């Protein structure tokens, strides 16, 4: 479940059956004068004070089915959770990737280009 923090310190559900969401920021973080997709130094998970360098955002969402797949369960096929996306483990208990083994998962990734950056 994807949740967000409220001002009173409590949590509110945003979406069910979401195991993970991670964000990476793209820009000239290597300070070589150009932002290059293939340069790992031009990607960061925490731009801190360099927000002016951000030229794009990559978002990963790991979703799973609400219920167990009866066909997988009947055949004894166990599916592990998606273990690592972007900056670390995507599953809350990465030591036990088979906690919910009969649920199907999908990884959705999108890149959003920041328009009018630097103006």
PDB file of N, CA and C in Angstrom:
ATOM      1  N   UNK A   1       0.833  -1.160   0.000  1.00  0.00           N
ATOM      2  CA  UNK A   1       0.000   0.000   0.000  1.00  0.00           C
ATOM      3  C   UNK A   1       0.891   1.241   0.000  1.00  0.00           C
ATOM      4  N   UNK A   2       0.582   2.156  -0.872  1.00  0.00           N
ATOM      5  CA  UNK A   2       1.310   3.417  -0.933  1.00  0.00           C
ATOM      6  C   UNK A   2       0.607   4.395  -0.005  1.00  0.00           C
ATOM      7  N   UNK A   3       1.380   5.020   0.894  1.00  0.00           N
ATOM      8  CA  UNK A   3       0.811   5.943   1.866  1.00  0.00           C
ATOM      9  C   UNK A   3       1.551   7.265   1.825  1.00  0.00           C
ATOM     10  N   UNK A   4       0.925   8.286   2.358  1.00  0.00           N
ATOM     11  CA  UNK A   4       1.580   9.574   2.504  1.00  0.00           C
ATOM     12  C   UNK A   4       1.383  10.068   3.922  1.00  0.00           C
ATOM     13  N   UNK A   5       2.311  10.866   4.360  1.00  0.00           N
ATOM     14  CA  UNK A   5       2.282  11.415   5.710  1.00  0.00           C
ATOM     15  C   UNK A   5       1.385  12.650   5.735  1.00  0.00           C
ATOM     16  N   UNK A   6       0.555  12.728   6.760  1.00  0.00           N
ATOM     17  CA  UNK A   6      -0.306  13.895   6.943  1.00  0.00           C
ATOM     18  C   UNK A   6       0.335  14.848   7.941  1.00  0.00           C
ATOM     19  N   UNK A   7      -0.155  16.055   7.993  1.00  0.00           N
ATOM     20  CA  UNK A   7       0.418  17.069   8.880  1.00  0.00           C
ATOM     21  C   UNK A   7       0.359  16.685  10.353  1.00  0.00           C
ATOM     22  N   UNK A   8      -0.618  15.868  10.736  1.00  0.00           N
ATOM     23  CA  UNK A   8      -0.741  15.489  12.145  1.00  0.00           C
ATOM     24  C   UNK A   8       0.121  14.279  12.512  1.00  0.00           C
ATOM     25  N   UNK A   9       0.955  13.820  11.585  1.00  0.00           N
ATOM     26  CA  UNK A   9       1.843  12.690  11.842  1.00  0.00           C
ATOM     27  C   UNK A   9       1.252  11.336  11.504  1.00  0.00           C
ATOM     28  N   UNK A  10      -0.031  11.303  11.138  1.00  0.00           N
ATOM     29  CA  UNK A  10      -0.652  10.036  10.758  1.00  0.00           C
ATOM     30  C   UNK A  10      -0.406   9.766   9.274  1.00  0.00           C
ATOM     31  N   UNK A  11      -0.845   8.600   8.816  1.00  0.00           N
ATOM     32  CA  UNK A  11      -0.635   8.194   7.429  1.00  0.00           C
ATOM     33  C   UNK A  11      -1.979   7.987   6.744  1.00  0.00           C
ATOM     34  N   UNK A  12      -2.043   8.341   5.473  1.00  0.00           N
ATOM     35  CA  UNK A  12      -3.252   8.139   4.669  1.00  0.00           C
ATOM     36  C   UNK A  12      -2.901   7.283   3.457  1.00  0.00           C
ATOM     37  N   UNK A  13      -3.770   6.342   3.142  1.00  0.00           N
ATOM     38  CA  UNK A  13      -3.571   5.485   1.975  1.00  0.00           C
ATOM     39  C   UNK A  13      -3.779   6.284   0.702  1.00  0.00           C
ATOM     40  N   UNK A  14      -2.879   6.069  -0.253  1.00  0.00           N
ATOM     41  CA  UNK A  14      -2.984   6.718  -1.559  1.00  0.00           C
ATOM     42  C   UNK A  14      -3.385   5.689  -2.609  1.00  0.00           C
ATOM     43  N   UNK A  15      -2.793   4.498  -2.541  1.00  0.00           N
ATOM     44  CA  UNK A  15      -3.099   3.436  -3.499  1.00  0.00           C
ATOM     45  C   UNK A  15      -2.838   2.087  -2.843  1.00  0.00           C
ATOM     46  N   UNK A  16      -3.728   1.141  -3.109  1.00  0.00           N
ATOM     47  CA  UNK A  16      -3.555  -0.210  -2.579  1.00  0.00           C
ATOM     48  C   UNK A  16      -2.735  -1.050  -3.549  1.00  0.00           C
ATOM     49  N   UNK A  17      -2.132  -2.101  -3.017  1.00  0.00           N
ATOM     50  CA  UNK A  17      -1.384  -3.084  -3.798  1.00  0.00           C
ATOM     51  C   UNK A  17      -0.158  -2.501  -4.491  1.00  0.00           C
ATOM     52  N   UNK A  18       0.390  -1.446  -3.943  1.00  0.00           N
ATOM     53  CA  UNK A  18       1.648  -0.872  -4.408  1.00  0.00           C
ATOM     54  C   UNK A  18       2.715  -1.267  -3.397  1.00  0.00           C
ATOM     55  N   UNK A  19       3.704  -2.030  -3.842  1.00  0.00           N
ATOM     56  CA  UNK A  19       4.762  -2.468  -2.934  1.00  0.00           C
ATOM     57  C   UNK A  19       5.880  -1.447  -2.811  1.00  0.00           C
ATOM     58  N   UNK A  20       6.084  -0.670  -3.869  1.00  0.00           N
ATOM     59  CA  UNK A  20       7.207   0.260  -3.824  1.00  0.00           C
ATOM     60  C   UNK A  20       7.035   1.347  -4.869  1.00  0.00           C
ATOM     61  N   UNK A  21       7.581   2.521  -4.561  1.00  0.00           N
ATOM     62  CA  UNK A  21       7.689   3.607  -5.526  1.00  0.00           C
ATOM     63  C   UNK A  21       9.005   4.306  -5.250  1.00  0.00           C
ATOM     64  N   UNK A  22       9.832   4.434  -6.285  1.00  0.00           N
ATOM     65  CA  UNK A  22      11.124   5.099  -6.126  1.00  0.00           C
ATOM     66  C   UNK A  22      11.319   6.095  -7.264  1.00  0.00           C
ATOM     67  N   UNK A  23      12.071   7.148  -6.963  1.00  0.00           N
ATOM     68  CA  UNK A  23      12.274   8.234  -7.912  1.00  0.00           C
ATOM     69  C   UNK A  23      13.766   8.497  -8.074  1.00  0.00           C
ATOM     70  N   UNK A  24      14.190   8.710  -9.315  1.00  0.00           N
ATOM     71  CA  UNK A  24      15.570   9.116  -9.609  1.00  0.00           C
ATOM     72  C   UNK A  24      15.503  10.404 -10.413  1.00  0.00           C
ATOM     73  N   UNK A  25      16.444  11.278 -10.162  1.00  0.00           N
ATOM     74  CA  UNK A  25      16.498  12.577 -10.820  1.00  0.00           C
ATOM     75  C   UNK A  25      17.651  12.589 -11.813  1.00  0.00           C
ATOM     76  N   UNK A  26      17.396  13.166 -12.999  1.00  0.00           N
ATOM     77  CA  UNK A  26      18.375  13.214 -14.072  1.00  0.00           C
ATOM     78  C   UNK A  26      18.786  14.661 -14.322  1.00  0.00           C
ATOM     79  N   UNK A  27      20.095  14.877 -14.480  1.00  0.00           N
ATOM     80  CA  UNK A  27      20.614  16.207 -14.780  1.00  0.00           C
ATOM     81  C   UNK A  27      22.132  16.156 -14.878  1.00  0.00           C
ATOM     82  N   UNK A  28      22.745  17.277 -15.014  1.00  0.00           N
ATOM     83  CA  UNK A  28      24.214  17.330 -15.106  1.00  0.00           C
ATOM     84  C   UNK A  28      24.829  17.312 -13.704  1.00  0.00           C
ATOM     85  N   UNK A  29      24.657  16.200 -13.015  1.00  0.00           N
ATOM     86  CA  UNK A  29      25.197  16.073 -11.658  1.00  0.00           C
ATOM     87  C   UNK A  29      26.678  15.722 -11.660  1.00  0.00           C
ATOM     88  N   UNK A  30      27.205  15.316 -12.827  1.00  0.00           N
ATOM     89  CA  UNK A  30      28.640  15.045 -12.933  1.00  0.00           C
ATOM     90  C   UNK A  30      29.413  16.338 -13.214  1.00  0.00           C
ATOM     91  N   UNK A  31      28.681  17.415 -13.468  1.00  0.00           N
ATOM     92  CA  UNK A  31      29.269  18.748 -13.719  1.00  0.00           C
ATOM     93  C   UNK A  31      30.272  18.759 -14.873  1.00  0.00           C
ATOM     94  N   UNK A  32      29.961  17.951 -15.927  1.00  0.00           N
ATOM     95  CA  UNK A  32      30.836  17.952 -17.112  1.00  0.00           C
ATOM     96  C   UNK A  32      30.263  18.821 -18.230  1.00  0.00           C
ATOM     97  N   UNK A  33      29.191  19.551 -17.945  1.00  0.00           N
ATOM     98  CA  UNK A  33      28.616  20.461 -18.929  1.00  0.00           C
ATOM     99  C   UNK A  33      27.479  19.885 -19.745  1.00  0.00           C
ATOM    100  N   UNK A  34      27.195  18.601 -19.589  1.00  0.00           N
ATOM    101  CA  UNK A  34      26.099  17.980 -20.328  1.00  0.00           C
ATOM    102  C   UNK A  34      25.453  16.882 -19.482  1.00  0.00           C
ATOM    103  N   UNK A  35      24.162  16.714 -19.647  1.00  0.00           N
ATOM    104  CA  UNK A  35      23.435  15.639 -18.969  1.00  0.00           C
ATOM    105  C   UNK A  35      23.334  14.464 -19.936  1.00  0.00           C
ATOM    106  N   UNK A  36      23.879  13.332 -19.558  1.00  0.00           N
ATOM    107  CA  UNK A  36      23.969  12.164 -20.432  1.00  0.00           C
ATOM    108  C   UNK A  36      23.240  10.986 -19.776  1.00  0.00           C
ATOM    109  N   UNK A  37      22.217  10.445 -20.462  1.00  0.00           N
ATOM    110  CA  UNK A  37      21.431   9.329 -19.919  1.00  0.00           C
ATOM    111  C   UNK A  37      22.296   8.143 -19.528  1.00  0.00           C
ATOM    112  N   UNK A  38      23.348   7.879 -20.285  1.00  0.00           N
ATOM    113  CA  UNK A  38      24.164   6.685 -20.030  1.00  0.00           C
ATOM    114  C   UNK A  38      25.229   6.905 -18.960  1.00  0.00           C
ATOM    115  N   UNK A  39      25.361   8.113 -18.462  1.00  0.00           N
ATOM    116  CA  UNK A  39      26.342   8.396 -17.410  1.00  0.00           C
ATOM    117  C   UNK A  39      25.675   8.218 -16.052  1.00  0.00           C
ATOM    118  N   UNK A  40      26.055   7.187 -15.292  1.00  0.00           N
ATOM    119  CA  UNK A  40      25.419   6.964 -13.991  1.00  0.00           C
ATOM    120  C   UNK A  40      25.610   8.127 -13.025  1.00  0.00           C
ATOM    121  N   UNK A  41      26.633   8.951 -13.246  1.00  0.00           N
ATOM    122  CA  UNK A  41      26.856  10.108 -12.380  1.00  0.00           C
ATOM    123  C   UNK A  41      25.866  11.240 -12.645  1.00  0.00           C
ATOM    124  N   UNK A  42      25.096  11.136 -13.741  1.00  0.00           N
ATOM    125  CA  UNK A  42      24.081  12.140 -14.040  1.00  0.00           C
ATOM    126  C   UNK A  42      22.707  11.748 -13.506  1.00  0.00           C
ATOM    127  N   UNK A  43      22.656  10.691 -12.721  1.00  0.00           N
ATOM    128  CA  UNK A  43      21.423  10.256 -12.048  1.00  0.00           C
ATOM    129  C   UNK A  43      21.658  10.319 -10.547  1.00  0.00           C
ATOM    130  N   UNK A  44      20.658  10.774  -9.812  1.00  0.00           N
ATOM    131  CA  UNK A  44      20.772  10.800  -8.352  1.00  0.00           C
ATOM    132  C   UNK A  44      19.407  10.515  -7.733  1.00  0.00           C
ATOM    133  N   UNK A  45      19.413  10.009  -6.519  1.00  0.00           N
ATOM    134  CA  UNK A  45      18.175   9.778  -5.787  1.00  0.00           C
ATOM    135  C   UNK A  45      17.879  10.923  -4.824  1.00  0.00           C
ATOM    136  N   UNK A  46      18.832  11.851  -4.707  1.00  0.00           N
ATOM    137  CA  UNK A  46      18.668  12.962  -3.791  1.00  0.00           C
ATOM    138  C   UNK A  46      19.422  14.184  -4.330  1.00  0.00           C
ATOM    139  N   UNK A  47      18.738  15.062  -5.077  1.00  0.00           N
ATOM    140  CA  UNK A  47      19.439  16.198  -5.671  1.00  0.00           C
ATOM    141  C   UNK A  47      19.829  17.292  -4.684  1.00  0.00           C
ATOM    142  N   UNK A  48      19.356  17.207  -3.441  1.00  0.00           N
ATOM    143  CA  UNK A  48      19.678  18.207  -2.400  1.00  0.00           C
ATOM    144  C   UNK A  48      19.577  19.624  -2.921  1.00  0.00           C
ATOM    145  N   UNK A  49      20.653  20.365  -2.894  1.00  0.00           N
ATOM    146  CA  UNK A  49      20.638  21.781  -3.283  1.00  0.00           C
ATOM    147  C   UNK A  49      20.784  21.967  -4.791  1.00  0.00           C
ATOM    148  N   UNK A  50      20.842  20.891  -5.562  1.00  0.00           N
ATOM    149  CA  UNK A  50      21.069  20.991  -7.008  1.00  0.00           C
ATOM    150  C   UNK A  50      19.778  20.893  -7.820  1.00  0.00           C
ATOM    151  N   UNK A  51      18.677  21.378  -7.295  1.00  0.00           N
ATOM    152  CA  UNK A  51      17.404  21.276  -8.008  1.00  0.00           C
ATOM    153  C   UNK A  51      17.451  21.970  -9.362  1.00  0.00           C
ATOM    154  N   UNK A  52      18.277  22.989  -9.506  1.00  0.00           N
ATOM    155  CA  UNK A  52      18.365  23.701 -10.789  1.00  0.00           C
ATOM    156  C   UNK A  52      18.986  22.832 -11.884  1.00  0.00           C
ATOM    157  N   UNK A  53      19.669  21.752 -11.501  1.00  0.00           N
ATOM    158  CA  UNK A  53      20.277  20.851 -12.484  1.00  0.00           C
ATOM    159  C   UNK A  53      19.325  19.762 -12.969  1.00  0.00           C
ATOM    160  N   UNK A  54      18.217  19.577 -12.285  1.00  0.00           N
ATOM    161  CA  UNK A  54      17.282  18.493 -12.637  1.00  0.00           C
ATOM    162  C   UNK A  54      16.641  18.789 -13.987  1.00  0.00           C
ATOM    163  N   UNK A  55      16.761  17.817 -14.911  1.00  0.00           N
ATOM    164  CA  UNK A  55      16.186  17.930 -16.247  1.00  0.00           C
ATOM    165  C   UNK A  55      15.142  16.848 -16.513  1.00  0.00           C
ATOM    166  N   UNK A  56      15.043  15.874 -15.609  1.00  0.00           N
ATOM    167  CA  UNK A  56      14.057  14.815 -15.772  1.00  0.00           C
ATOM    168  C   UNK A  56      13.928  13.993 -14.511  1.00  0.00           C
ATOM    169  N   UNK A  57      12.842  13.239 -14.451  1.00  0.00           N
ATOM    170  CA  UNK A  57      12.564  12.382 -13.295  1.00  0.00           C
ATOM    171  C   UNK A  57      12.151  11.011 -13.811  1.00  0.00           C
ATOM    172  N   UNK A  58      12.757   9.967 -13.246  1.00  0.00           N
ATOM    173  CA  UNK A  58      12.373   8.592 -13.580  1.00  0.00           C
ATOM    174  C   UNK A  58      11.642   8.032 -12.367  1.00  0.00           C
ATOM    175  N   UNK A  59      10.444   7.514 -12.601  1.00  0.00           N
ATOM    176  CA  UNK A  59       9.618   6.975 -11.516  1.00  0.00           C
ATOM    177  C   UNK A  59       9.413   5.486 -11.749  1.00  0.00           C
ATOM    178  N   UNK A  60       9.649   4.705 -10.693  1.00  0.00           N
ATOM    179  CA  UNK A  60       9.397   3.258 -10.719  1.00  0.00           C
ATOM    180  C   UNK A  60       8.281   2.953  -9.725  1.00  0.00           C
ATOM    181  N   UNK A  61       7.314   2.149 -10.160  1.00  0.00           N
ATOM    182  CA  UNK A  61       6.239   1.700  -9.281  1.00  0.00           C
ATOM    183  C   UNK A  61       6.149   0.187  -9.406  1.00  0.00           C
ATOM    184  N   UNK A  62       6.206  -0.509  -8.260  1.00  0.00           N
ATOM    185  CA  UNK A  62       6.019  -1.958  -8.232  1.00  0.00           C
ATOM    186  C   UNK A  62       4.624  -2.219  -7.677  1.00  0.00           C
ATOM    187  N   UNK A  63       3.766  -2.828  -8.522  1.00  0.00           N
ATOM    188  CA  UNK A  63       2.396  -3.148  -8.126  1.00  0.00           C
ATOM    189  C   UNK A  63       2.217  -4.660  -8.105  1.00  0.00           C
ATOM    190  N   UNK A  64       1.288  -5.115  -7.291  1.00  0.00           N
ATOM    191  CA  UNK A  64       0.988  -6.545  -7.231  1.00  0.00           C
ATOM    192  C   UNK A  64      -0.516  -6.760  -7.281  1.00  0.00           C
ATOM    193  N   UNK A  65      -0.911  -7.967  -7.636  1.00  0.00           N
ATOM    194  CA  UNK A  65      -2.328  -8.280  -7.678  1.00  0.00           C
ATOM    195  C   UNK A  65      -2.907  -8.261  -6.264  1.00  0.00           C
ATOM    196  N   UNK A  66      -4.181  -7.978  -6.170  1.00  0.00           N
ATOM    197  CA  UNK A  66      -4.838  -7.923  -4.864  1.00  0.00           C
ATOM    198  C   UNK A  66      -4.920  -9.307  -4.223  1.00  0.00           C
ATOM    199  N   UNK A  67      -5.192 -10.293  -5.060  1.00  0.00           N
ATOM    200  CA  UNK A  67      -5.367 -11.661  -4.547  1.00  0.00           C
ATOM    201  C   UNK A  67      -4.301 -12.584  -5.124  1.00  0.00           C
ATOM    202  N   UNK A  68      -4.149 -13.718  -4.476  1.00  0.00           N
ATOM    203  CA  UNK A  68      -3.242 -14.744  -4.992  1.00  0.00           C
ATOM    204  C   UNK A  68      -3.792 -15.298  -6.295  1.00  0.00           C
ATOM    205  N   UNK A  69      -2.916 -15.668  -7.201  1.00  0.00           N
ATOM    206  CA  UNK A  69      -3.300 -16.291  -8.461  1.00  0.00           C
ATOM    207  C   UNK A  69      -3.556 -17.766  -8.182  1.00  0.00           C
ATOM    208  N   UNK A  70      -4.806 -18.239  -8.335  1.00  0.00           N
ATOM    209  CA  UNK A  70      -5.108 -19.641  -8.013  1.00  0.00           C
ATOM    210  C   UNK A  70      -4.359 -20.640  -8.887  1.00  0.00           C
ATOM    211  N   UNK A  71      -4.069 -20.261 -10.141  1.00  0.00           N
ATOM    212  CA  UNK A  71      -3.329 -21.166 -11.027  1.00  0.00           C
ATOM    213  C   UNK A  71      -1.900 -21.363 -10.530  1.00  0.00           C
ATOM    214  N   UNK A  72      -1.261 -20.266 -10.111  1.00  0.00           N
ATOM    215  CA  UNK A  72       0.099 -20.381  -9.575  1.00  0.00           C
ATOM    216  C   UNK A  72       0.101 -21.238  -8.315  1.00  0.00           C
ATOM    217  N   UNK A  73      -0.870 -20.993  -7.449  1.00  0.00           N
ATOM    218  CA  UNK A  73      -0.937 -21.731  -6.181  1.00  0.00           C
ATOM    219  C   UNK A  73      -1.176 -23.217  -6.430  1.00  0.00           C
ATOM    220  N   UNK A  74      -2.078 -23.533  -7.363  1.00  0.00           N
ATOM    221  CA  UNK A  74      -2.384 -24.931  -7.664  1.00  0.00           C
ATOM    222  C   UNK A  74      -1.177 -25.666  -8.232  1.00  0.00           C
ATOM    223  N   UNK A  75      -0.377 -24.962  -9.004  1.00  0.00           N
ATOM    224  CA  UNK A  75       0.810 -25.572  -9.610  1.00  0.00           C
ATOM    225  C   UNK A  75       2.038 -25.475  -8.703  1.00  0.00           C
ATOM    226  N   UNK A  76       1.908 -24.774  -7.578  1.00  0.00           N
ATOM    227  CA  UNK A  76       3.037 -24.638  -6.660  1.00  0.00           C
ATOM    228  C   UNK A  76       4.133 -23.718  -7.170  1.00  0.00           C
ATOM    229  N   UNK A  77       3.778 -22.812  -8.081  1.00  0.00           N
ATOM    230  CA  UNK A  77       4.764 -21.877  -8.631  1.00  0.00           C
ATOM    231  C   UNK A  77       4.820 -20.649  -7.737  1.00  0.00           C
ATOM    232  N   UNK A  78       5.980 -20.394  -7.150  1.00  0.00           N
ATOM    233  CA  UNK A  78       6.149 -19.245  -6.278  1.00  0.00           C
ATOM    234  C   UNK A  78       6.933 -18.155  -7.000  1.00  0.00           C
ATOM    235  N   UNK A  79       6.392 -16.949  -6.977  1.00  0.00           N
ATOM    236  CA  UNK A  79       7.044 -15.815  -7.623  1.00  0.00           C
ATOM    237  C   UNK A  79       7.652 -14.924  -6.547  1.00  0.00           C
ATOM    238  N   UNK A  80       8.927 -14.625  -6.629  1.00  0.00           N
ATOM    239  CA  UNK A  80       9.520 -13.711  -5.644  1.00  0.00           C
ATOM    240  C   UNK A  80       9.089 -12.280  -5.935  1.00  0.00           C
ATOM    241  N   UNK A  81       9.174 -11.438  -4.927  1.00  0.00           N
ATOM    242  CA  UNK A  81       8.899 -10.023  -5.157  1.00  0.00           C
ATOM    243  C   UNK A  81      10.042  -9.430  -5.975  1.00  0.00           C
ATOM    244  N   UNK A  82       9.811  -8.275  -6.550  1.00  0.00           N
ATOM    245  CA  UNK A  82      10.860  -7.573  -7.290  1.00  0.00           C
ATOM    246  C   UNK A  82      11.810  -7.009  -6.245  1.00  0.00           C
ATOM    247  N   UNK A  83      13.063  -7.441  -6.270  1.00  0.00           N
ATOM    248  CA  UNK A  83      13.972  -7.199  -5.161  1.00  0.00           C
ATOM    249  C   UNK A  83      14.653  -5.849  -5.127  1.00  0.00           C
ATOM    250  N   UNK A  84      14.993  -5.282  -6.255  1.00  0.00           N
ATOM    251  CA  UNK A  84      15.726  -4.013  -6.218  1.00  0.00           C
ATOM    252  C   UNK A  84      15.323  -3.140  -7.384  1.00  0.00           C
ATOM    253  N   UNK A  85      14.986  -1.919  -7.068  1.00  0.00           N
ATOM    254  CA  UNK A  85      14.662  -0.920  -8.075  1.00  0.00           C
ATOM    255  C   UNK A  85      15.384   0.351  -7.660  1.00  0.00           C
ATOM    256  N   UNK A  86      16.070   0.952  -8.580  1.00  0.00           N
ATOM    257  CA  UNK A  86      16.748   2.235  -8.392  1.00  0.00           C
ATOM    258  C   UNK A  86      17.756   2.222  -7.249  1.00  0.00           C
ATOM    259  N   UNK A  87      17.345   2.542  -6.031  1.00  0.00           N
ATOM    260  CA  UNK A  87      18.326   2.756  -4.966  1.00  0.00           C
ATOM    261  C   UNK A  87      18.299   1.715  -3.860  1.00  0.00           C
ATOM    262  N   UNK A  88      17.559   0.640  -4.017  1.00  0.00           N
ATOM    263  CA  UNK A  88      17.574  -0.357  -2.947  1.00  0.00           C
ATOM    264  C   UNK A  88      16.432  -1.339  -3.059  1.00  0.00           C
ATOM    265  N   UNK A  89      16.254  -2.126  -2.019  1.00  0.00           N
ATOM    266  CA  UNK A  89      15.215  -3.156  -2.040  1.00  0.00           C
ATOM    267  C   UNK A  89      13.833  -2.543  -2.206  1.00  0.00           C
ATOM    268  N   UNK A  90      13.024  -3.151  -3.042  1.00  0.00           N
ATOM    269  CA  UNK A  90      11.680  -2.631  -3.245  1.00  0.00           C
ATOM    270  C   UNK A  90      10.685  -3.283  -2.307  1.00  0.00           C
ATOM    271  N   UNK A  91      11.017  -4.426  -1.774  1.00  0.00           N
ATOM    272  CA  UNK A  91      10.100  -5.143  -0.895  1.00  0.00           C
ATOM    273  C   UNK A  91      10.401  -4.764   0.546  1.00  0.00           C
ATOM    274  N   UNK A  92       9.357  -4.553   1.355  1.00  0.00           N
ATOM    275  CA  UNK A  92       9.597  -4.138   2.734  1.00  0.00           C
ATOM    276  C   UNK A  92      10.439  -5.124   3.538  1.00  0.00           C
ATOM    277  N   UNK A  93      10.356  -6.403   3.200  1.00  0.00           N
ATOM    278  CA  UNK A  93      11.168  -7.406   3.894  1.00  0.00           C
ATOM    279  C   UNK A  93      12.005  -8.119   2.842  1.00  0.00           C
ATOM    280  N   UNK A  94      13.096  -7.488   2.416  1.00  0.00           N
ATOM    281  CA  UNK A  94      13.899  -8.043   1.325  1.00  0.00           C
ATOM    282  C   UNK A  94      14.605  -9.332   1.722  1.00  0.00           C
ATOM    283  N   UNK A  95      14.584  -9.669   3.016  1.00  0.00           N
ATOM    284  CA  UNK A  95      15.185 -10.935   3.434  1.00  0.00           C
ATOM    285  C   UNK A  95      14.243 -12.103   3.143  1.00  0.00           C
ATOM    286  N   UNK A  96      12.969 -11.818   2.874  1.00  0.00           N
ATOM    287  CA  UNK A  96      11.997 -12.859   2.575  1.00  0.00           C
ATOM    288  C   UNK A  96      11.228 -12.487   1.310  1.00  0.00           C
ATOM    289  N   UNK A  97      11.821 -12.697   0.127  1.00  0.00           N
ATOM    290  CA  UNK A  97      11.151 -12.297  -1.114  1.00  0.00           C
ATOM    291  C   UNK A  97       9.932 -13.148  -1.450  1.00  0.00           C
ATOM    292  N   UNK A  98       9.724 -14.258  -0.729  1.00  0.00           N
ATOM    293  CA  UNK A  98       8.587 -15.132  -1.007  1.00  0.00           C
ATOM    294  C   UNK A  98       7.474 -14.962   0.021  1.00  0.00           C
ATOM    295  N   UNK A  99       7.389 -13.797   0.655  1.00  0.00           N
ATOM    296  CA  UNK A  99       6.366 -13.566   1.669  1.00  0.00           C
ATOM    297  C   UNK A  99       4.961 -13.705   1.091  1.00  0.00           C
ATOM    298  N   UNK A 100       4.736 -13.213  -0.112  1.00  0.00           N
ATOM    299  CA  UNK A 100       3.459 -13.345  -0.817  1.00  0.00           C
ATOM    300  C   UNK A 100       3.744 -13.955  -2.195  1.00  0.00           C
ATOM    301  N   UNK A 101       4.089 -15.254  -2.236  1.00  0.00           N
ATOM    302  CA  UNK A 101       4.645 -15.857  -3.457  1.00  0.00           C
ATOM    303  C   UNK A 101       3.655 -16.095  -4.597  1.00  0.00           C
ATOM    304  N   UNK A 102       2.363 -16.063  -4.340  1.00  0.00           N
ATOM    305  CA  UNK A 102       1.409 -16.397  -5.398  1.00  0.00           C
ATOM    306  C   UNK A 102       0.729 -15.159  -5.980  1.00  0.00           C
ATOM    307  N   UNK A 103       1.276 -14.002  -5.714  1.00  0.00           N
ATOM    308  CA  UNK A 103       0.746 -12.775  -6.290  1.00  0.00           C
ATOM    309  C   UNK A 103       1.654 -12.319  -7.428  1.00  0.00           C
ATOM    310  N   UNK A 104       1.028 -11.929  -8.515  1.00  0.00           N
ATOM    311  CA  UNK A 104       1.802 -11.438  -9.660  1.00  0.00           C
ATOM    312  C   UNK A 104       2.177  -9.986  -9.429  1.00  0.00           C
ATOM    313  N   UNK A 105       3.352  -9.600  -9.939  1.00  0.00           N
ATOM    314  CA  UNK A 105       3.845  -8.236  -9.786  1.00  0.00           C
ATOM    315  C   UNK A 105       4.233  -7.665 -11.139  1.00  0.00           C
ATOM    316  N   UNK A 106       4.162  -6.354 -11.224  1.00  0.00           N
ATOM    317  CA  UNK A 106       4.587  -5.641 -12.417  1.00  0.00           C
ATOM    318  C   UNK A 106       5.384  -4.419 -11.989  1.00  0.00           C
ATOM    319  N   UNK A 107       6.407  -4.146 -12.763  1.00  0.00           N
ATOM    320  CA  UNK A 107       7.208  -2.948 -12.562  1.00  0.00           C
ATOM    321  C   UNK A 107       6.854  -1.969 -13.670  1.00  0.00           C
ATOM    322  N   UNK A 108       6.394  -0.792 -13.293  1.00  0.00           N
ATOM    323  CA  UNK A 108       6.072   0.267 -14.238  1.00  0.00           C
ATOM    324  C   UNK A 108       7.118   1.365 -14.074  1.00  0.00           C
ATOM    325  N   UNK A 109       7.676   1.814 -15.191  1.00  0.00           N
ATOM    326  CA  UNK A 109       8.689   2.857 -15.169  1.00  0.00           C
ATOM    327  C   UNK A 109       8.307   3.942 -16.166  1.00  0.00           C
ATOM    328  N   UNK A 110       8.474   5.177 -15.749  1.00  0.00           N
ATOM    329  CA  UNK A 110       8.184   6.299 -16.631  1.00  0.00           C
ATOM    330  C   UNK A 110       9.245   7.378 -16.446  1.00  0.00           C
ATOM    331  N   UNK A 111       9.574   8.055 -17.537  1.00  0.00           N
ATOM    332  CA  UNK A 111      10.502   9.180 -17.481  1.00  0.00           C
ATOM    333  C   UNK A 111       9.735  10.440 -17.820  1.00  0.00           C
ATOM    334  N   UNK A 112       9.894  11.446 -16.995  1.00  0.00           N
ATOM    335  CA  UNK A 112       9.214  12.720 -17.201  1.00  0.00           C
ATOM    336  C   UNK A 112      10.272  13.788 -17.436  1.00  0.00           C
ATOM    337  N   UNK A 113      10.236  14.409 -18.592  1.00  0.00           N
ATOM    338  CA  UNK A 113      11.171  15.477 -18.914  1.00  0.00           C
ATOM    339  C   UNK A 113      10.674  16.781 -18.318  1.00  0.00           C
ATOM    340  N   UNK A 114      11.553  17.503 -17.649  1.00  0.00           N
ATOM    341  CA  UNK A 114      11.193  18.793 -17.068  1.00  0.00           C
ATOM    342  C   UNK A 114      11.235  19.835 -18.185  1.00  0.00           C
ATOM    343  N   UNK A 115      10.100  20.414 -18.473  1.00  0.00           N
ATOM    344  CA  UNK A 115      10.018  21.428 -19.535  1.00  0.00           C
ATOM    345  C   UNK A 115      10.410  22.787 -18.976  1.00  0.00           C
ATOM    346  N   UNK A 116      10.946  23.603 -19.819  1.00  0.00           N
ATOM    347  CA  UNK A 116      11.321  24.978 -19.475  1.00  0.00           C
ATOM    348  C   UNK A 116      12.362  25.031 -18.353  1.00  0.00           C
ATOM    349  N   UNK A 117      13.128  23.981 -18.208  1.00  0.00           N
ATOM    350  CA  UNK A 117      14.177  23.972 -17.172  1.00  0.00           C
ATOM    351  C   UNK A 117      15.256  24.969 -17.552  1.00  0.00           C
ATOM    352  N   UNK A 118      15.704  25.703 -16.584  1.00  0.00           N
ATOM    353  CA  UNK A 118      16.794  26.639 -16.811  1.00  0.00           C
ATOM    354  C   UNK A 118      16.344  27.999 -17.320  1.00  0.00           C
ATOM    355  N   UNK A 119      15.023  28.202 -17.444  1.00  0.00           N
ATOM    356  CA  UNK A 119      14.537  29.510 -17.919  1.00  0.00           C
ATOM    357  C   UNK A 119      14.333  30.432 -16.762  1.00  0.00           C
TER     358      UNK A 119
END
